[in-house]
Amino acid sequence: MLSQLLACSGVDTVVIDRKDRAYIEGRVRAGVLEQGTVDALEAAGVADRLHREGLPHDGFELAFDGDRLRIDLRALTGKPVMVYGQTEITRDLFESRFADGQQFFFDVEDVTLSDLRTDRPLVCFGHRGDRVTVECDYVAGCDGFHGVSRQAIPTDVLRTYERVYPFGWLGILVDQPPVSHELIYANHASGFALASMRSETRSRCYVQCDPGDQIDDWPDTRFWDEFEKRLGPDIASGLRRGASFEKSIAPLRSFVAEPMRWGSLFLAGDAAHIVPPTGAKGLNLAVADVRLLARALAEHYSNGNDHYIDTYSETVLRRVWKVERFSWQMSNLLHQFPAHSPFEKRMQRADFDYLCGSEAAQQSLAENYVGLPLE
């Protein structure tokens, strides 16, 4: 996405990845897009298929032990969200980048970054048996939580903050219509569940599970039994079961690294921060990062203006922490925590009841869900 946005401003980039295109396009990831993400894809010239195939959603539902509350996003904020899978976004971006002659290096290994405190940093890596060195002006570390970019920042400079949650999400894809035309987030005594979708004929469904669980512990029958129970009989009455064709377990954590710039290196996306998927913020937060980074680099090259480069980390982190807060709050509201006392469980219920009775609280939730301003 950063490469695409910079290309629109006439800035050349080299993109390297340790995996190949087929692997990257095949990974199942997020699917709920904030309006700001849609705007960015439009600005990047890759939103045609999104508007043909994406599903606009004007709201979503919260369920708590069978009680239900619809959050009317459009009425509360004037904005919808869009359901369109991250795999589809990746495909659209790849097609555009390849058509424009973008330089890619796939299947790289042993990546090292050096001279990051100079104006000519180096990126070195192995590729098809050769050692390749790229000399550049800046390095954008968009290489995820386990990548090398964040690790290149000295330990006496880097500060990290982390909250690891005592559960994971077991997710499946199934070629059956979604149980509802909008997403449903459910808190049940047995754990969290989410009814989501990728299209009108393909459902994406999740249940809270133990972080030590394995895929083999969850045959489809067990998954569907738990999913139905947690959604409640009213919602589950419209459910159509099916054989899953993708199944995975993801741990949940909140994580932030500061600063997000060191010399000629910028961090963006999961390289700098992780949010639990409750609230659908991971992809959207990464896109917000690269929108601000693309602006900073475009201003540097077009106008010699380094204000946005110099303030990138500070600006981005202000928004990151607000989004971390929202995802943390949603996770606390909707999951069963093994260590929660009866008092804490009643506080969860009180939070839900307050939402049900307060339009102001609903508006605050909706504003965060559709996406905060960039600055």
Protein backbone atom coordinates (compact mmCIF):
# COMPACT_ATOMS: atom_id res chain seq x y z
CA MET A 1 0.00 0.00 0.00
CA LEU A 2 2.84 2.38 0.83
CA SER A 3 4.52 1.59 -2.48
CA GLN A 4 1.28 2.31 -4.34
CA LEU A 5 0.67 5.61 -2.56
CA LEU A 6 4.25 6.76 -3.17
CA ALA A 7 4.02 5.80 -6.84
CA CYS A 8 1.05 8.14 -7.13
CA SER A 9 3.40 10.92 -5.95
CA GLY A 10 6.21 9.92 -8.31
CA VAL A 11 8.41 8.33 -5.64
CA ASP A 12 10.25 5.12 -6.60
CA THR A 13 10.46 2.18 -4.20
CA VAL A 14 11.88 -1.33 -4.00
CA VAL A 15 9.74 -3.89 -2.17
CA ILE A 16 11.27 -6.98 -0.58
CA ASP A 17 9.48 -9.86 1.17
CA ARG A 18 10.59 -13.16 2.64
CA LYS A 19 7.59 -14.94 1.08
CA ASP A 20 6.34 -15.20 -2.49
CA ARG A 21 3.33 -13.51 -4.05
CA ALA A 22 1.11 -16.59 -3.92
CA TYR A 23 1.72 -17.06 -0.20
CA ILE A 24 1.05 -13.39 0.54
CA GLU A 25 -2.16 -13.31 -1.49
CA GLY A 26 -3.39 -16.54 0.08
CA ARG A 27 -3.12 -15.47 3.72
CA VAL A 28 -6.50 -15.03 5.40
CA ARG A 29 -6.62 -11.78 7.30
CA ALA A 30 -8.96 -8.92 8.22
CA GLY A 31 -12.02 -7.86 6.31
CA VAL A 32 -13.64 -4.77 7.88
CA LEU A 33 -12.46 -1.47 6.40
CA GLU A 34 -12.86 1.95 7.96
CA GLN A 35 -13.98 4.79 5.71
CA GLY A 36 -10.44 6.21 5.88
CA THR A 37 -9.05 2.96 4.49
CA VAL A 38 -11.57 3.04 1.65
CA ASP A 39 -10.60 6.66 0.98
CA ALA A 40 -6.93 5.65 0.84
CA LEU A 41 -7.62 2.85 -1.63
CA GLU A 42 -9.56 5.29 -3.79
CA ALA A 43 -6.69 7.78 -3.67
CA ALA A 44 -4.31 4.97 -4.62
CA GLY A 45 -6.43 4.09 -7.65
CA VAL A 46 -7.20 0.51 -6.57
CA ALA A 47 -10.80 0.74 -5.32
CA ASP A 48 -12.81 -0.25 -8.41
CA ARG A 49 -13.29 -3.90 -7.47
CA LEU A 50 -13.83 -2.97 -3.83
CA HIS A 51 -16.83 -0.86 -4.80
CA ARG A 52 -18.18 -3.59 -7.07
CA GLU A 53 -17.80 -6.48 -4.64
CA GLY A 54 -17.47 -4.96 -1.16
CA LEU A 55 -20.34 -5.00 1.31
CA PRO A 56 -21.14 -1.65 2.96
CA HIS A 57 -22.33 -2.07 6.55
CA ASP A 58 -24.28 0.66 8.32
CA GLY A 59 -24.02 -1.02 11.73
CA PHE A 60 -23.12 -4.08 13.78
CA GLU A 61 -24.54 -5.94 16.75
CA LEU A 62 -23.35 -6.65 20.27
CA ALA A 63 -24.85 -9.62 22.11
CA PHE A 64 -24.46 -10.33 25.82
CA ASP A 65 -25.91 -13.57 27.19
CA GLY A 66 -28.68 -13.40 24.63
CA ASP A 67 -29.45 -9.67 24.93
CA ARG A 68 -28.73 -7.71 21.77
CA LEU A 69 -27.80 -4.13 20.89
CA ARG A 70 -27.38 -2.78 17.38
CA ILE A 71 -24.86 0.03 16.94
CA ASP A 72 -26.17 2.18 14.07
CA LEU A 73 -22.91 3.49 12.64
CA ARG A 74 -24.45 5.64 9.93
CA ALA A 75 -27.01 7.26 12.22
CA LEU A 76 -24.44 7.91 14.95
CA THR A 77 -21.52 9.06 12.77
CA GLY A 78 -22.76 9.49 9.21
CA LYS A 79 -20.29 6.81 8.06
CA PRO A 80 -20.46 3.10 7.26
CA VAL A 81 -17.71 0.49 7.20
CA MET A 82 -16.93 -1.80 4.25
CA VAL A 83 -16.49 -5.58 4.36
CA TYR A 84 -13.82 -6.56 1.82
CA GLY A 85 -11.16 -9.13 2.57
CA GLN A 86 -7.52 -8.17 3.06
CA THR A 87 -6.59 -10.91 0.59
CA GLU A 88 -8.62 -9.06 -2.05
CA ILE A 89 -6.93 -5.74 -1.22
CA THR A 90 -3.54 -7.42 -1.54
CA ARG A 91 -4.50 -8.84 -4.93
CA ASP A 92 -5.69 -5.45 -6.17
CA LEU A 93 -2.47 -3.78 -5.03
CA PHE A 94 -0.25 -6.45 -6.55
CA GLU A 95 -2.00 -6.19 -9.91
CA SER A 96 -1.57 -2.42 -9.96
CA ARG A 97 2.06 -2.53 -8.81
CA PHE A 98 3.05 -5.19 -11.34
CA ALA A 99 1.27 -3.32 -14.13
CA ASP A 100 3.29 -0.21 -13.25
CA GLY A 101 6.61 -2.08 -13.22
CA GLN A 102 7.22 -2.07 -9.48
CA GLN A 103 10.51 -3.73 -8.51
CA PHE A 104 9.93 -6.68 -6.18
CA PHE A 105 12.24 -9.15 -4.52
CA PHE A 106 10.35 -12.19 -3.20
CA ASP A 107 11.65 -15.16 -1.20
CA VAL A 108 14.46 -13.15 0.36
CA GLU A 109 16.45 -14.32 3.36
CA ASP A 110 18.99 -13.05 5.88
CA VAL A 111 17.91 -9.40 5.68
CA THR A 112 20.14 -6.85 7.39
CA LEU A 113 19.77 -3.08 7.73
CA SER A 114 22.78 -0.80 8.16
CA ASP A 115 23.83 2.86 8.08
CA LEU A 116 20.38 3.84 9.34
CA ARG A 117 21.70 7.03 10.93
CA THR A 118 23.03 8.26 7.58
CA ASP A 119 21.31 9.64 4.50
CA ARG A 120 22.23 6.50 2.48
CA PRO A 121 21.03 3.48 4.45
CA LEU A 122 21.61 -0.02 3.10
CA VAL A 123 19.31 -3.03 2.93
CA CYS A 124 21.15 -6.31 2.27
CA PHE A 125 19.57 -9.71 1.70
CA GLY A 126 19.96 -13.07 0.06
CA HIS A 127 18.00 -13.69 -3.14
CA ARG A 128 18.24 -16.74 -5.42
CA GLY A 129 21.73 -17.55 -4.23
CA ASP A 130 23.08 -14.01 -4.56
CA ARG A 131 23.74 -11.30 -2.00
CA VAL A 132 21.83 -8.14 -2.96
CA THR A 133 22.42 -4.65 -1.56
CA VAL A 134 19.93 -1.83 -2.03
CA GLU A 135 21.16 1.71 -1.35
CA CYS A 136 18.26 4.04 -0.66
CA ASP A 137 17.17 7.29 0.98
CA TYR A 138 14.80 5.76 3.52
CA VAL A 139 13.74 2.32 4.77
CA ALA A 140 10.09 1.60 5.58
CA GLY A 141 9.81 -1.31 7.99
CA CYS A 142 6.42 -2.79 7.09
CA ASP A 143 7.63 -6.29 7.95
CA GLY A 144 5.34 -7.26 10.79
CA PHE A 145 5.80 -8.16 14.42
CA HIS A 146 8.56 -10.73 13.77
CA GLY A 147 10.44 -8.71 11.14
CA VAL A 148 13.95 -7.30 11.30
CA SER A 149 13.12 -3.58 11.18
CA ARG A 150 12.10 -3.00 14.77
CA GLN A 151 15.04 -5.12 15.92
CA ALA A 152 17.39 -2.72 14.11
CA ILE A 153 16.56 0.05 16.58
CA PRO A 154 19.03 -0.02 19.50
CA THR A 155 17.64 -1.44 22.72
CA ASP A 156 18.57 1.71 24.63
CA VAL A 157 16.34 3.70 22.24
CA LEU A 158 13.40 1.35 21.74
CA ARG A 159 10.61 1.20 24.33
CA THR A 160 7.91 -1.47 24.15
CA TYR A 161 4.58 -1.89 25.91
CA GLU A 162 2.65 -5.16 25.88
CA ARG A 163 -0.47 -6.87 27.18
CA VAL A 164 -0.83 -10.59 26.37
CA TYR A 165 -4.38 -11.92 26.69
CA PRO A 166 -5.15 -15.30 28.26
CA PHE A 167 -7.03 -16.62 25.22
CA GLY A 168 -6.90 -16.88 21.44
CA TRP A 169 -9.33 -16.72 18.53
CA LEU A 170 -10.15 -19.84 16.55
CA GLY A 171 -11.35 -18.74 13.13
CA ILE A 172 -12.84 -20.65 10.21
CA LEU A 173 -13.88 -19.86 6.66
CA VAL A 174 -16.91 -21.66 5.26
CA ASP A 175 -18.81 -21.34 2.00
CA GLN A 176 -22.17 -20.66 3.60
CA PRO A 177 -24.17 -17.41 3.78
CA PRO A 178 -23.50 -15.35 6.91
CA VAL A 179 -25.94 -15.78 9.77
CA SER A 180 -26.63 -12.02 9.69
CA HIS A 181 -26.14 -9.27 7.11
CA GLU A 182 -24.09 -7.38 9.72
CA LEU A 183 -21.32 -8.48 12.09
CA ILE A 184 -22.30 -9.82 15.52
CA TYR A 185 -19.91 -9.70 18.49
CA ALA A 186 -21.12 -11.94 21.32
CA ASN A 187 -20.14 -12.37 24.97
CA HIS A 188 -21.37 -15.64 26.48
CA ALA A 189 -20.49 -17.47 29.69
CA SER A 190 -18.61 -20.00 27.55
CA GLY A 191 -16.60 -17.31 25.77
CA PHE A 192 -16.58 -14.80 22.94
CA ALA A 193 -17.88 -15.42 19.41
CA LEU A 194 -17.90 -13.31 16.25
CA ALA A 195 -20.13 -13.85 13.23
CA SER A 196 -18.44 -12.14 10.29
CA MET A 197 -18.26 -12.63 6.52
CA ARG A 198 -16.20 -12.19 3.39
CA SER A 199 -19.12 -12.10 0.95
CA GLU A 200 -22.81 -12.88 0.77
CA THR A 201 -21.94 -16.56 0.33
CA ARG A 202 -18.80 -16.92 2.47
CA SER A 203 -18.75 -16.66 6.27
CA ARG A 204 -15.85 -15.93 8.60
CA CYS A 205 -16.60 -17.14 12.13
CA TYR A 206 -14.61 -17.06 15.37
CA VAL A 207 -14.78 -18.42 18.90
CA GLN A 208 -12.61 -17.64 21.90
CA CYS A 209 -10.36 -20.57 22.77
CA ASP A 210 -7.53 -21.48 25.10
CA PRO A 211 -4.19 -20.14 23.79
CA GLY A 212 -2.71 -23.62 24.10
CA ASP A 213 -5.38 -25.25 21.92
CA GLN A 214 -4.43 -26.94 18.64
CA ILE A 215 -6.42 -27.04 15.41
CA ASP A 216 -7.00 -30.78 15.88
CA ASP A 217 -8.75 -30.00 19.16
CA TRP A 218 -11.49 -28.26 17.19
CA PRO A 219 -13.22 -30.44 14.60
CA ASP A 220 -15.97 -28.62 12.74
CA THR A 221 -18.75 -30.19 14.81
CA ARG A 222 -17.27 -28.89 18.05
CA PHE A 223 -16.75 -25.45 16.54
CA TRP A 224 -20.33 -25.14 15.32
CA ASP A 225 -21.77 -26.39 18.62
CA GLU A 226 -19.81 -23.75 20.53
CA PHE A 227 -20.52 -21.03 17.99
CA GLU A 228 -24.29 -21.64 18.13
CA LYS A 229 -24.33 -21.71 21.91
CA ARG A 230 -22.43 -18.45 22.22
CA LEU A 231 -24.54 -16.61 19.66
CA GLY A 232 -27.74 -17.68 21.38
CA PRO A 233 -30.81 -19.45 19.98
CA ASP A 234 -32.38 -16.40 18.33
CA ILE A 235 -29.36 -15.66 16.19
CA ALA A 236 -28.29 -19.26 15.68
CA SER A 237 -31.70 -20.22 14.30
CA GLY A 238 -30.59 -18.74 10.97
CA LEU A 239 -27.18 -20.41 10.95
CA ARG A 240 -26.18 -22.77 8.14
CA ARG A 241 -23.34 -25.09 9.05
CA GLY A 242 -20.76 -26.24 6.55
CA ALA A 243 -17.34 -27.82 6.21
CA SER A 244 -14.56 -25.31 6.92
CA PHE A 245 -11.87 -24.90 4.25
CA GLU A 246 -9.56 -22.73 6.40
CA LYS A 247 -9.02 -22.91 10.14
CA SER A 248 -6.48 -21.11 12.31
CA ILE A 249 -5.82 -20.04 15.88
CA ALA A 250 -4.46 -16.56 16.59
CA PRO A 251 -3.13 -15.41 19.97
CA LEU A 252 -4.27 -12.00 21.19
CA ARG A 253 -1.99 -9.22 22.38
CA SER A 254 -1.76 -5.46 22.62
CA PHE A 255 1.70 -4.14 21.76
CA VAL A 256 3.28 -0.77 20.99
CA ALA A 257 6.88 0.11 20.15
CA GLU A 258 8.22 3.65 20.45
CA PRO A 259 9.64 5.52 18.59
CA MET A 260 8.36 4.67 15.11
CA ARG A 261 11.25 6.50 13.44
CA TRP A 262 14.98 6.09 14.02
CA GLY A 263 17.27 7.90 11.61
CA SER A 264 16.31 6.84 8.08
CA LEU A 265 14.14 3.96 9.31
CA PHE A 266 10.37 4.23 9.71
CA LEU A 267 8.14 1.57 11.27
CA ALA A 268 4.58 1.01 10.10
CA GLY A 269 1.85 -1.51 10.84
CA ASP A 270 2.51 -4.61 12.91
CA ALA A 271 6.23 -3.87 13.03
CA ALA A 272 5.34 -1.13 15.51
CA HIS A 273 2.05 -2.15 17.08
CA ILE A 274 -0.39 -5.03 17.49
CA VAL A 275 -4.03 -4.76 18.49
CA PRO A 276 -6.35 -7.61 19.42
CA PRO A 277 -8.74 -8.19 16.51
CA THR A 278 -11.77 -7.16 18.59
CA GLY A 279 -12.95 -4.01 16.85
CA ALA A 280 -11.28 -4.72 13.49
CA LYS A 281 -8.41 -2.25 13.80
CA GLY A 282 -5.20 -4.04 12.74
CA LEU A 283 -5.36 -3.55 8.98
CA ASN A 284 -6.92 -0.09 9.33
CA LEU A 285 -4.27 1.09 11.75
CA ALA A 286 -1.53 -0.07 9.38
CA VAL A 287 -3.14 1.78 6.46
CA ALA A 288 -3.37 4.95 8.57
CA ASP A 289 0.36 4.64 9.31
CA VAL A 290 1.34 4.40 5.67
CA ARG A 291 -0.99 7.21 4.65
CA LEU A 292 0.89 9.50 7.02
CA LEU A 293 4.26 8.09 5.98
CA ALA A 294 3.42 8.49 2.28
CA ARG A 295 2.46 12.11 2.92
CA ALA A 296 5.72 12.72 4.77
CA LEU A 297 7.89 11.24 2.03
CA ALA A 298 5.93 12.90 -0.78
CA GLU A 299 6.37 16.31 0.88
CA HIS A 300 10.10 15.65 1.24
CA TYR A 301 10.59 14.81 -2.42
CA SER A 302 8.13 17.29 -3.91
CA ASN A 303 8.69 20.36 -1.76
CA GLY A 304 11.78 19.73 0.34
CA ASN A 305 9.50 19.91 3.39
CA ASP A 306 10.65 17.59 6.20
CA HIS A 307 8.10 18.66 8.81
CA TYR A 308 6.01 15.52 8.40
CA ILE A 309 9.09 13.28 8.43
CA ASP A 310 10.33 14.89 11.62
CA THR A 311 6.93 14.58 13.33
CA TYR A 312 5.95 11.17 11.89
CA SER A 313 6.52 9.10 15.03
CA GLU A 314 4.85 11.55 17.38
CA THR A 315 1.86 12.05 15.09
CA VAL A 316 1.28 8.38 14.39
CA LEU A 317 1.71 7.27 18.00
CA ARG A 318 -0.96 9.69 19.24
CA ARG A 319 -3.46 7.88 17.05
CA VAL A 320 -2.02 4.42 17.73
CA TRP A 321 -2.58 4.71 21.47
CA LYS A 322 -6.19 5.82 20.98
CA VAL A 323 -6.84 2.81 18.75
CA GLU A 324 -5.06 0.52 21.22
CA ARG A 325 -7.37 1.85 23.91
CA PHE A 326 -10.49 1.08 21.86
CA SER A 327 -9.37 -2.45 20.99
CA TRP A 328 -8.43 -3.09 24.62
CA GLN A 329 -11.83 -1.86 25.81
CA MET A 330 -13.71 -3.98 23.28
CA SER A 331 -11.67 -7.03 24.27
CA ASN A 332 -12.37 -6.45 27.96
CA LEU A 333 -16.09 -6.09 27.28
CA LEU A 334 -16.57 -9.13 25.09
CA HIS A 335 -14.31 -11.93 26.35
CA GLN A 336 -14.38 -14.30 29.27
CA PHE A 337 -11.22 -13.82 31.33
CA PRO A 338 -10.24 -16.90 33.38
CA ALA A 339 -9.05 -14.77 36.30
CA HIS A 340 -12.09 -12.51 36.45
CA SER A 341 -13.88 -12.44 39.79
CA PRO A 342 -17.70 -12.35 40.02
CA PHE A 343 -17.36 -8.59 40.58
CA GLU A 344 -15.45 -8.10 37.34
CA LYS A 345 -17.99 -10.18 35.43
CA ARG A 346 -20.75 -7.94 36.73
CA MET A 347 -18.75 -4.90 35.64
CA GLN A 348 -18.73 -6.30 32.10
CA ARG A 349 -22.49 -6.60 32.25
CA ALA A 350 -22.78 -3.06 33.63
CA ASP A 351 -20.70 -1.75 30.71
CA PHE A 352 -23.02 -3.47 28.25
CA ASP A 353 -26.14 -2.18 30.03
CA TYR A 354 -24.72 1.35 30.03
CA LEU A 355 -24.17 1.14 26.29
CA CYS A 356 -27.75 -0.01 25.81
CA GLY A 357 -29.10 3.02 27.66
CA SER A 358 -26.76 5.77 26.49
CA GLU A 359 -26.74 7.21 22.98
CA ALA A 360 -23.61 9.16 23.92
CA ALA A 361 -21.80 5.92 24.79
CA GLN A 362 -22.98 4.33 21.57
CA GLN A 363 -21.77 7.34 19.60
CA SER A 364 -18.33 7.12 21.20
CA LEU A 365 -18.10 3.42 20.31
CA ALA A 366 -19.32 4.11 16.76
CA GLU A 367 -16.80 6.94 16.23
CA ASN A 368 -13.96 4.61 17.16
CA TYR A 369 -15.33 1.74 15.08
CA VAL A 370 -15.67 3.72 11.83
CA GLY A 371 -12.21 5.19 12.38
CA LEU A 372 -10.64 8.15 14.10
CA PRO A 373 -9.24 11.09 12.08
CA LEU A 374 -5.63 10.73 10.96
CA GLU A 375 -4.55 13.56 13.28
